[in-house]
Amino acid sequence: MEDDGSGGSSSNLETGKSERSVWLMKCPLVVAKSWQSHPPSDPHPLAKVVLSLDPLHSDDSNSLQFTMEMAGAETGNKPKSYSLNMFKDFVPMSVFSETSQGGKVAVEGKVEHKFDMKPHGENLEDYGKLCRERTKKSMIKNRTIQVIDNDRGVHMRPMPGMLGLISSSSKDKKKTAPVKQSDVKRTRRDRGELEDIMFKLFERQPNWALKQLVQETDQPAQFLKEILNELCVYNKRGTNQGTYELKPEYKKSVEDSNAE
């Protein structure tokens, strides 16, 4: 930046509005999105700020209360009333803008008040529902399904005994030991699909060892343990020691399906 020496505007920075008082406010995401979608040509206000003052303590800054009321008809669980909590101590700041053409930078004002915006008391329940809905949507994964001829993925990974084989042109002609099934990297199935397979296996017999399930499902042992911990109980003693069996609530559902 270049200073012209007179304390006014420089050739690279417009400072004509540098002393203008502005407010800095941290607002919830739902409010920011609502304002961003507001057409610039729409003359209607986005919101209004209501200042409440206790006349008996007008000299006390703590008696000032700021509330923001959103304009327009909001839908769903979006709160319409917000409390503005004012910060008393904050680092001096200024607001800058930059034009899209030419990159002209200007000072738009000096931050006089800083606020933290949060839903008003009577809107907290609706805002909580909105946050839960947003969390649920973020957890939904868009899955794509591709149908292949061999659903066990034989052509997608090396078969047991094929890894580490020496070329037939090798002079020593040493016989390479076949690779164990446990050494082959297994591909995880879809969680819901694997649970269906597990239920069918427990329909066949009530108790399974982890090693048996790994062989039956061709799935990684650690991934199987995660599913087993949710669906089954592990027998640490007794005649079925070292095996898994379905939890009572799942046993009942399997029995009911068999009865049907």
C-alpha atoms as a PDB file:
ATOM      1  CA  MET A   1       0.000   0.000   0.000  1.00  0.00           C
ATOM      2  CA  GLU A   2       1.060   3.519  -0.679  1.00  0.00           C
ATOM      3  CA  ASP A   3       0.313   6.441   1.612  1.00  0.00           C
ATOM      4  CA  ASP A   4      -0.198   9.819  -0.073  1.00  0.00           C
ATOM      5  CA  GLY A   5       1.079  11.561   3.071  1.00  0.00           C
ATOM      6  CA  SER A   6      -2.134  13.463   3.718  1.00  0.00           C
ATOM      7  CA  GLY A   7      -3.911  10.791   5.779  1.00  0.00           C
ATOM      8  CA  GLY A   8      -6.613  10.368   3.114  1.00  0.00           C
ATOM      9  CA  SER A   9      -7.104   7.752   0.423  1.00  0.00           C
ATOM     10  CA  SER A  10      -4.084   6.078  -1.068  1.00  0.00           C
ATOM     11  CA  SER A  11      -3.756   4.939  -4.645  1.00  0.00           C
ATOM     12  CA  ASN A  12      -4.415   1.293  -3.652  1.00  0.00           C
ATOM     13  CA  LEU A  13      -6.830   1.651  -0.719  1.00  0.00           C
ATOM     14  CA  GLU A  14     -10.040   3.669  -0.457  1.00  0.00           C
ATOM     15  CA  THR A  15     -10.397   4.986   3.109  1.00  0.00           C
ATOM     16  CA  GLY A  16     -13.309   7.399   2.731  1.00  0.00           C
ATOM     17  CA  LYS A  17     -15.542   5.229   4.981  1.00  0.00           C
ATOM     18  CA  SER A  18     -12.854   4.111   7.421  1.00  0.00           C
ATOM     19  CA  GLU A  19     -14.499   5.886  10.407  1.00  0.00           C
ATOM     20  CA  ARG A  20     -18.003   4.606   9.710  1.00  0.00           C
ATOM     21  CA  SER A  21     -19.403   2.550  12.601  1.00  0.00           C
ATOM     22  CA  VAL A  22     -20.305  -1.070  11.715  1.00  0.00           C
ATOM     23  CA  TRP A  23     -21.440  -4.124  13.650  1.00  0.00           C
ATOM     24  CA  LEU A  24     -19.811  -7.551  13.403  1.00  0.00           C
ATOM     25  CA  MET A  25     -22.098 -10.499  14.025  1.00  0.00           C
ATOM     26  CA  LYS A  26     -21.572 -14.274  14.127  1.00  0.00           C
ATOM     27  CA  CYS A  27     -24.789 -15.900  12.933  1.00  0.00           C
ATOM     28  CA  PRO A  28     -26.042 -19.519  12.658  1.00  0.00           C
ATOM     29  CA  LEU A  29     -25.614 -21.309   9.340  1.00  0.00           C
ATOM     30  CA  VAL A  30     -29.361 -21.393   8.685  1.00  0.00           C
ATOM     31  CA  VAL A  31     -29.505 -17.577   8.898  1.00  0.00           C
ATOM     32  CA  ALA A  32     -26.468 -17.089   6.673  1.00  0.00           C
ATOM     33  CA  LYS A  33     -27.954 -19.357   3.969  1.00  0.00           C
ATOM     34  CA  SER A  34     -31.291 -17.572   4.183  1.00  0.00           C
ATOM     35  CA  TRP A  35     -29.658 -14.182   3.663  1.00  0.00           C
ATOM     36  CA  GLN A  36     -27.417 -15.415   0.856  1.00  0.00           C
ATOM     37  CA  SER A  37     -30.466 -16.683  -1.047  1.00  0.00           C
ATOM     38  CA  HIS A  38     -32.181 -13.289  -0.701  1.00  0.00           C
ATOM     39  CA  PRO A  39     -32.266 -11.565  -4.125  1.00  0.00           C
ATOM     40  CA  PRO A  40     -30.190  -8.339  -4.096  1.00  0.00           C
ATOM     41  CA  SER A  41     -32.932  -6.579  -6.054  1.00  0.00           C
ATOM     42  CA  ASP A  42     -35.554  -7.338  -3.379  1.00  0.00           C
ATOM     43  CA  PRO A  43     -36.194  -4.060  -1.473  1.00  0.00           C
ATOM     44  CA  HIS A  44     -37.702  -5.762   1.571  1.00  0.00           C
ATOM     45  CA  PRO A  45     -35.511  -5.891   4.721  1.00  0.00           C
ATOM     46  CA  LEU A  46     -33.932  -9.148   5.820  1.00  0.00           C
ATOM     47  CA  ALA A  47     -34.479  -8.569   9.532  1.00  0.00           C
ATOM     48  CA  LYS A  48     -34.956  -5.902  12.181  1.00  0.00           C
ATOM     49  CA  VAL A  49     -33.003  -5.296  15.383  1.00  0.00           C
ATOM     50  CA  VAL A  50     -34.946  -4.432  18.535  1.00  0.00           C
ATOM     51  CA  LEU A  51     -33.085  -2.572  21.285  1.00  0.00           C
ATOM     52  CA  SER A  52     -34.513  -2.906  24.798  1.00  0.00           C
ATOM     53  CA  LEU A  53     -33.390  -0.484  27.516  1.00  0.00           C
ATOM     54  CA  ASP A  54     -34.148  -0.447  31.223  1.00  0.00           C
ATOM     55  CA  PRO A  55     -35.060   3.227  31.932  1.00  0.00           C
ATOM     56  CA  LEU A  56     -34.133   2.855  35.604  1.00  0.00           C
ATOM     57  CA  HIS A  57     -30.580   1.829  34.689  1.00  0.00           C
ATOM     58  CA  SER A  58     -30.008   3.695  31.458  1.00  0.00           C
ATOM     59  CA  ASP A  59     -26.349   4.358  32.314  1.00  0.00           C
ATOM     60  CA  ASP A  60     -25.620   0.663  32.786  1.00  0.00           C
ATOM     61  CA  SER A  61     -24.463  -1.001  29.559  1.00  0.00           C
ATOM     62  CA  ASN A  62     -25.667  -4.359  30.912  1.00  0.00           C
ATOM     63  CA  SER A  63     -29.242  -3.107  30.736  1.00  0.00           C
ATOM     64  CA  LEU A  64     -29.051  -3.014  26.919  1.00  0.00           C
ATOM     65  CA  GLN A  65     -30.636  -6.022  25.251  1.00  0.00           C
ATOM     66  CA  PHE A  66     -30.549  -6.641  21.516  1.00  0.00           C
ATOM     67  CA  THR A  67     -32.989  -8.946  19.705  1.00  0.00           C
ATOM     68  CA  MET A  68     -33.188  -9.702  15.998  1.00  0.00           C
ATOM     69  CA  GLU A  69     -36.493 -10.569  14.359  1.00  0.00           C
ATOM     70  CA  MET A  70     -36.257 -12.266  10.958  1.00  0.00           C
ATOM     71  CA  ALA A  71     -38.458 -10.750   8.270  1.00  0.00           C
ATOM     72  CA  GLY A  72     -40.643 -12.818   5.945  1.00  0.00           C
ATOM     73  CA  ALA A  73     -42.349 -16.145   6.444  1.00  0.00           C
ATOM     74  CA  GLU A  74     -39.807 -18.755   7.507  1.00  0.00           C
ATOM     75  CA  THR A  75     -40.617 -22.432   6.937  1.00  0.00           C
ATOM     76  CA  GLY A  76     -39.879 -25.616   8.858  1.00  0.00           C
ATOM     77  CA  ASN A  77     -38.060 -25.327  12.183  1.00  0.00           C
ATOM     78  CA  LYS A  78     -36.170 -22.130  11.324  1.00  0.00           C
ATOM     79  CA  PRO A  79     -36.383 -19.766  14.330  1.00  0.00           C
ATOM     80  CA  LYS A  80     -37.613 -16.235  13.677  1.00  0.00           C
ATOM     81  CA  SER A  81     -36.339 -14.593  16.866  1.00  0.00           C
ATOM     82  CA  TYR A  82     -32.683 -14.403  17.953  1.00  0.00           C
ATOM     83  CA  SER A  83     -30.802 -12.944  20.897  1.00  0.00           C
ATOM     84  CA  LEU A  84     -27.699 -10.851  20.182  1.00  0.00           C
ATOM     85  CA  ASN A  85     -25.100 -11.208  22.900  1.00  0.00           C
ATOM     86  CA  MET A  86     -22.766  -8.230  22.777  1.00  0.00           C
ATOM     87  CA  PHE A  87     -19.043  -8.606  23.437  1.00  0.00           C
ATOM     88  CA  LYS A  88     -17.530  -5.881  25.558  1.00  0.00           C
ATOM     89  CA  ASP A  89     -13.866  -6.606  24.941  1.00  0.00           C
ATOM     90  CA  PHE A  90     -12.559  -7.527  21.501  1.00  0.00           C
ATOM     91  CA  VAL A  91      -9.594  -6.756  19.276  1.00  0.00           C
ATOM     92  CA  PRO A  92     -10.066  -3.536  17.239  1.00  0.00           C
ATOM     93  CA  MET A  93     -11.123  -4.478  13.721  1.00  0.00           C
ATOM     94  CA  SER A  94     -12.097  -2.897  10.424  1.00  0.00           C
ATOM     95  CA  VAL A  95     -14.163  -4.223   7.532  1.00  0.00           C
ATOM     96  CA  PHE A  96     -12.660  -4.329   4.029  1.00  0.00           C
ATOM     97  CA  SER A  97     -14.180  -4.954   0.601  1.00  0.00           C
ATOM     98  CA  GLU A  98     -12.694  -5.766  -2.763  1.00  0.00           C
ATOM     99  CA  THR A  99     -14.336  -5.244  -6.145  1.00  0.00           C
ATOM    100  CA  SER A 100     -14.513  -8.168  -8.547  1.00  0.00           C
ATOM    101  CA  GLN A 101     -13.187  -5.988 -11.367  1.00  0.00           C
ATOM    102  CA  GLY A 102      -9.825  -4.352 -10.927  1.00  0.00           C
ATOM    103  CA  GLY A 103      -9.357  -5.619  -7.357  1.00  0.00           C
ATOM    104  CA  LYS A 104     -10.039  -2.219  -5.786  1.00  0.00           C
ATOM    105  CA  VAL A 105      -9.832  -2.479  -1.971  1.00  0.00           C
ATOM    106  CA  ALA A 106     -11.803  -0.194   0.324  1.00  0.00           C
ATOM    107  CA  VAL A 107     -12.313   0.208   4.074  1.00  0.00           C
ATOM    108  CA  GLU A 108     -16.044  -0.107   4.740  1.00  0.00           C
ATOM    109  CA  GLY A 109     -15.938   0.886   8.392  1.00  0.00           C
ATOM    110  CA  LYS A 110     -14.655   0.266  11.896  1.00  0.00           C
ATOM    111  CA  VAL A 111     -16.220  -2.441  14.091  1.00  0.00           C
ATOM    112  CA  GLU A 112     -17.978  -0.740  16.980  1.00  0.00           C
ATOM    113  CA  HIS A 113     -19.972  -3.689  18.356  1.00  0.00           C
ATOM    114  CA  LYS A 114     -19.447  -7.436  18.085  1.00  0.00           C
ATOM    115  CA  PHE A 115     -22.332  -9.847  18.622  1.00  0.00           C
ATOM    116  CA  ASP A 116     -22.902 -13.566  18.964  1.00  0.00           C
ATOM    117  CA  MET A 117     -26.294 -14.500  17.528  1.00  0.00           C
ATOM    118  CA  LYS A 118     -28.282 -17.425  18.955  1.00  0.00           C
ATOM    119  CA  PRO A 119     -31.962 -18.485  18.865  1.00  0.00           C
ATOM    120  CA  HIS A 120     -34.222 -16.842  21.421  1.00  0.00           C
ATOM    121  CA  GLY A 121     -35.403 -18.891  24.392  1.00  0.00           C
ATOM    122  CA  GLU A 122     -38.787 -19.883  22.955  1.00  0.00           C
ATOM    123  CA  ASN A 123     -37.138 -21.006  19.686  1.00  0.00           C
ATOM    124  CA  LEU A 124     -34.463 -23.283  21.177  1.00  0.00           C
ATOM    125  CA  GLU A 125     -36.572 -26.447  20.798  1.00  0.00           C
ATOM    126  CA  ASP A 126     -37.275 -25.765  17.101  1.00  0.00           C
ATOM    127  CA  TYR A 127     -33.624 -24.940  16.504  1.00  0.00           C
ATOM    128  CA  GLY A 128     -32.600 -28.191  18.192  1.00  0.00           C
ATOM    129  CA  LYS A 129     -34.862 -30.123  15.788  1.00  0.00           C
ATOM    130  CA  LEU A 130     -33.321 -28.273  12.858  1.00  0.00           C
ATOM    131  CA  CYS A 131     -29.795 -29.189  13.989  1.00  0.00           C
ATOM    132  CA  ARG A 132     -30.753 -32.846  14.407  1.00  0.00           C
ATOM    133  CA  GLU A 133     -32.278 -32.932  10.912  1.00  0.00           C
ATOM    134  CA  ARG A 134     -29.119 -31.377   9.477  1.00  0.00           C
ATOM    135  CA  THR A 135     -26.955 -33.948  11.290  1.00  0.00           C
ATOM    136  CA  LYS A 136     -29.066 -36.848   9.955  1.00  0.00           C
ATOM    137  CA  LYS A 137     -28.790 -35.543   6.384  1.00  0.00           C
ATOM    138  CA  SER A 138     -25.015 -35.206   6.680  1.00  0.00           C
ATOM    139  CA  MET A 139     -24.757 -38.856   7.796  1.00  0.00           C
ATOM    140  CA  ILE A 140     -26.654 -40.195   4.773  1.00  0.00           C
ATOM    141  CA  LYS A 141     -24.209 -41.581   2.228  1.00  0.00           C
ATOM    142  CA  ASN A 142     -25.148 -41.695  -1.417  1.00  0.00           C
ATOM    143  CA  ARG A 143     -24.347 -45.243  -2.453  1.00  0.00           C
ATOM    144  CA  THR A 144     -23.957 -46.447  -6.012  1.00  0.00           C
ATOM    145  CA  ILE A 145     -24.615 -50.079  -6.888  1.00  0.00           C
ATOM    146  CA  GLN A 146     -22.963 -51.874  -9.772  1.00  0.00           C
ATOM    147  CA  VAL A 147     -24.076 -55.365 -10.749  1.00  0.00           C
ATOM    148  CA  ILE A 148     -21.265 -57.806 -11.609  1.00  0.00           C
ATOM    149  CA  ASP A 149     -21.433 -61.423 -12.734  1.00  0.00           C
ATOM    150  CA  ASN A 150     -19.347 -62.793  -9.861  1.00  0.00           C
ATOM    151  CA  ASP A 151     -20.672 -61.366  -6.607  1.00  0.00           C
ATOM    152  CA  ARG A 152     -17.755 -62.757  -4.590  1.00  0.00           C
ATOM    153  CA  GLY A 153     -15.309 -60.533  -6.425  1.00  0.00           C
ATOM    154  CA  VAL A 154     -13.114 -63.366  -7.717  1.00  0.00           C
ATOM    155  CA  HIS A 155     -11.853 -61.231 -10.588  1.00  0.00           C
ATOM    156  CA  MET A 156     -11.229 -58.208  -8.386  1.00  0.00           C
ATOM    157  CA  ARG A 157      -8.458 -59.631  -6.198  1.00  0.00           C
ATOM    158  CA  PRO A 158      -5.681 -62.254  -6.384  1.00  0.00           C
ATOM    159  CA  MET A 159      -6.820 -65.760  -5.588  1.00  0.00           C
ATOM    160  CA  PRO A 160      -5.222 -67.738  -2.733  1.00  0.00           C
ATOM    161  CA  GLY A 161      -1.975 -69.367  -3.822  1.00  0.00           C
ATOM    162  CA  MET A 162      -1.400 -66.993  -6.744  1.00  0.00           C
ATOM    163  CA  LEU A 163       0.552 -64.315  -4.906  1.00  0.00           C
ATOM    164  CA  GLY A 164       4.319 -64.573  -4.933  1.00  0.00           C
ATOM    165  CA  LEU A 165       4.523 -67.252  -7.603  1.00  0.00           C
ATOM    166  CA  ILE A 166       7.876 -67.322  -9.399  1.00  0.00           C
ATOM    167  CA  SER A 167       7.976 -67.143 -13.184  1.00  0.00           C
ATOM    168  CA  SER A 168       8.175 -70.521 -14.916  1.00  0.00           C
ATOM    169  CA  SER A 169      11.344 -69.374 -16.665  1.00  0.00           C
ATOM    170  CA  SER A 170      13.208 -69.223 -13.356  1.00  0.00           C
ATOM    171  CA  LYS A 171      16.249 -71.446 -13.325  1.00  0.00           C
ATOM    172  CA  ASP A 172      15.924 -72.771  -9.803  1.00  0.00           C
ATOM    173  CA  LYS A 173      12.292 -73.860 -10.338  1.00  0.00           C
ATOM    174  CA  LYS A 174      11.676 -73.571  -6.618  1.00  0.00           C
ATOM    175  CA  LYS A 175       8.168 -74.350  -5.504  1.00  0.00           C
ATOM    176  CA  THR A 176       6.572 -71.390  -3.780  1.00  0.00           C
ATOM    177  CA  ALA A 177       4.393 -72.091  -0.804  1.00  0.00           C
ATOM    178  CA  PRO A 178       0.743 -71.181  -1.469  1.00  0.00           C
ATOM    179  CA  VAL A 179      -0.502 -68.062   0.221  1.00  0.00           C
ATOM    180  CA  LYS A 180      -2.834 -68.682   3.135  1.00  0.00           C
ATOM    181  CA  GLN A 181      -6.420 -67.514   2.842  1.00  0.00           C
ATOM    182  CA  SER A 182      -5.909 -65.288   5.919  1.00  0.00           C
ATOM    183  CA  ASP A 183      -3.122 -63.426   4.094  1.00  0.00           C
ATOM    184  CA  VAL A 184      -5.397 -62.349   1.249  1.00  0.00           C
ATOM    185  CA  LYS A 185      -6.972 -58.936   1.647  1.00  0.00           C
ATOM    186  CA  ARG A 186     -10.729 -59.334   1.822  1.00  0.00           C
ATOM    187  CA  THR A 187     -13.166 -56.772   0.423  1.00  0.00           C
ATOM    188  CA  ARG A 188     -15.828 -55.498   2.819  1.00  0.00           C
ATOM    189  CA  ARG A 189     -19.433 -56.077   1.871  1.00  0.00           C
ATOM    190  CA  ASP A 190     -22.196 -53.558   2.419  1.00  0.00           C
ATOM    191  CA  ARG A 191     -23.049 -53.557   6.139  1.00  0.00           C
ATOM    192  CA  GLY A 192     -26.758 -54.243   5.637  1.00  0.00           C
ATOM    193  CA  GLU A 193     -26.021 -57.060   3.183  1.00  0.00           C
ATOM    194  CA  LEU A 194     -23.581 -58.681   5.616  1.00  0.00           C
ATOM    195  CA  GLU A 195     -26.119 -58.509   8.466  1.00  0.00           C
ATOM    196  CA  ASP A 196     -28.635 -60.393   6.276  1.00  0.00           C
ATOM    197  CA  ILE A 197     -26.014 -63.066   5.585  1.00  0.00           C
ATOM    198  CA  MET A 198     -25.255 -63.351   9.305  1.00  0.00           C
ATOM    199  CA  PHE A 199     -28.925 -63.890  10.177  1.00  0.00           C
ATOM    200  CA  LYS A 200     -29.168 -66.646   7.561  1.00  0.00           C
ATOM    201  CA  LEU A 201     -26.084 -68.352   9.004  1.00  0.00           C
ATOM    202  CA  PHE A 202     -27.546 -68.281  12.510  1.00  0.00           C
ATOM    203  CA  GLU A 203     -30.750 -69.767  11.112  1.00  0.00           C
ATOM    204  CA  ARG A 204     -28.637 -72.708   9.978  1.00  0.00           C
ATOM    205  CA  GLN A 205     -27.016 -73.212  13.395  1.00  0.00           C
ATOM    206  CA  PRO A 206     -27.207 -71.215  16.663  1.00  0.00           C
ATOM    207  CA  ASN A 207     -23.488 -71.009  17.497  1.00  0.00           C
ATOM    208  CA  TRP A 208     -20.522 -69.959  15.378  1.00  0.00           C
ATOM    209  CA  ALA A 209     -16.833 -69.402  16.034  1.00  0.00           C
ATOM    210  CA  LEU A 210     -15.228 -66.297  14.528  1.00  0.00           C
ATOM    211  CA  LYS A 211     -12.937 -68.388  12.332  1.00  0.00           C
ATOM    212  CA  GLN A 212     -15.928 -70.253  10.900  1.00  0.00           C
ATOM    213  CA  LEU A 213     -17.748 -67.005  10.115  1.00  0.00           C
ATOM    214  CA  VAL A 214     -14.680 -65.579   8.378  1.00  0.00           C
ATOM    215  CA  GLN A 215     -14.591 -68.647   6.129  1.00  0.00           C
ATOM    216  CA  GLU A 216     -18.341 -68.560   5.464  1.00  0.00           C
ATOM    217  CA  THR A 217     -18.579 -64.838   4.700  1.00  0.00           C
ATOM    218  CA  ASP A 218     -15.078 -64.196   3.282  1.00  0.00           C
ATOM    219  CA  GLN A 219     -14.972 -60.935   5.270  1.00  0.00           C
ATOM    220  CA  PRO A 220     -12.197 -59.278   7.336  1.00  0.00           C
ATOM    221  CA  ALA A 221     -12.186 -60.557  10.910  1.00  0.00           C
ATOM    222  CA  GLN A 222     -12.169 -57.066  12.431  1.00  0.00           C
ATOM    223  CA  PHE A 223     -15.186 -56.011  10.369  1.00  0.00           C
ATOM    224  CA  LEU A 224     -17.020 -59.186  11.393  1.00  0.00           C
ATOM    225  CA  LYS A 225     -16.294 -58.469  15.064  1.00  0.00           C
ATOM    226  CA  GLU A 226     -17.971 -55.058  14.745  1.00  0.00           C
ATOM    227  CA  ILE A 227     -21.134 -56.701  13.388  1.00  0.00           C
ATOM    228  CA  LEU A 228     -20.992 -59.531  15.940  1.00  0.00           C
ATOM    229  CA  ASN A 229     -20.695 -57.101  18.854  1.00  0.00           C
ATOM    230  CA  GLU A 230     -23.975 -55.511  17.748  1.00  0.00           C
ATOM    231  CA  LEU A 231     -25.929 -58.666  16.953  1.00  0.00           C
ATOM    232  CA  CYS A 232     -24.487 -61.349  19.210  1.00  0.00           C
ATOM    233  CA  VAL A 233     -23.214 -62.329  22.627  1.00  0.00           C
ATOM    234  CA  TYR A 234     -19.875 -64.109  23.083  1.00  0.00           C
ATOM    235  CA  ASN A 235     -19.837 -67.283  25.171  1.00  0.00           C
ATOM    236  CA  LYS A 236     -16.824 -67.186  27.499  1.00  0.00           C
ATOM    237  CA  ARG A 237     -17.644 -70.435  29.286  1.00  0.00           C
ATOM    238  CA  GLY A 238     -19.861 -73.487  29.092  1.00  0.00           C
ATOM    239  CA  THR A 239     -20.400 -76.025  26.326  1.00  0.00           C
ATOM    240  CA  ASN A 240     -20.425 -73.305  23.656  1.00  0.00           C
ATOM    241  CA  GLN A 241     -17.306 -71.545  24.912  1.00  0.00           C
ATOM    242  CA  GLY A 242     -15.535 -69.448  22.271  1.00  0.00           C
ATOM    243  CA  THR A 243     -18.590 -69.075  20.023  1.00  0.00           C
ATOM    244  CA  TYR A 244     -21.106 -66.361  19.210  1.00  0.00           C
ATOM    245  CA  GLU A 245     -24.883 -66.606  19.380  1.00  0.00           C
ATOM    246  CA  LEU A 246     -27.587 -64.084  18.565  1.00  0.00           C
ATOM    247  CA  LYS A 247     -28.840 -61.726  21.271  1.00  0.00           C
ATOM    248  CA  PRO A 248     -32.281 -62.685  22.622  1.00  0.00           C
ATOM    249  CA  GLU A 249     -34.081 -59.907  20.743  1.00  0.00           C
ATOM    250  CA  TYR A 250     -32.569 -61.038  17.430  1.00  0.00           C
ATOM    251  CA  LYS A 251     -33.149 -64.701  18.212  1.00  0.00           C
ATOM    252  CA  LYS A 252     -36.852 -63.984  18.535  1.00  0.00           C
ATOM    253  CA  SER A 253     -37.007 -62.239  15.168  1.00  0.00           C
ATOM    254  CA  VAL A 254     -35.202 -65.162  13.490  1.00  0.00           C
ATOM    255  CA  GLU A 255     -37.560 -67.649  15.141  1.00  0.00           C
ATOM    256  CA  ASP A 256     -40.590 -65.635  14.050  1.00  0.00           C
ATOM    257  CA  SER A 257     -39.342 -65.499  10.456  1.00  0.00           C
ATOM    258  CA  ASN A 258     -38.782 -69.277  10.475  1.00  0.00           C
ATOM    259  CA  ALA A 259     -42.276 -69.824  11.834  1.00  0.00           C
ATOM    260  CA  GLU A 260     -43.726 -67.820   8.956  1.00  0.00           C
END
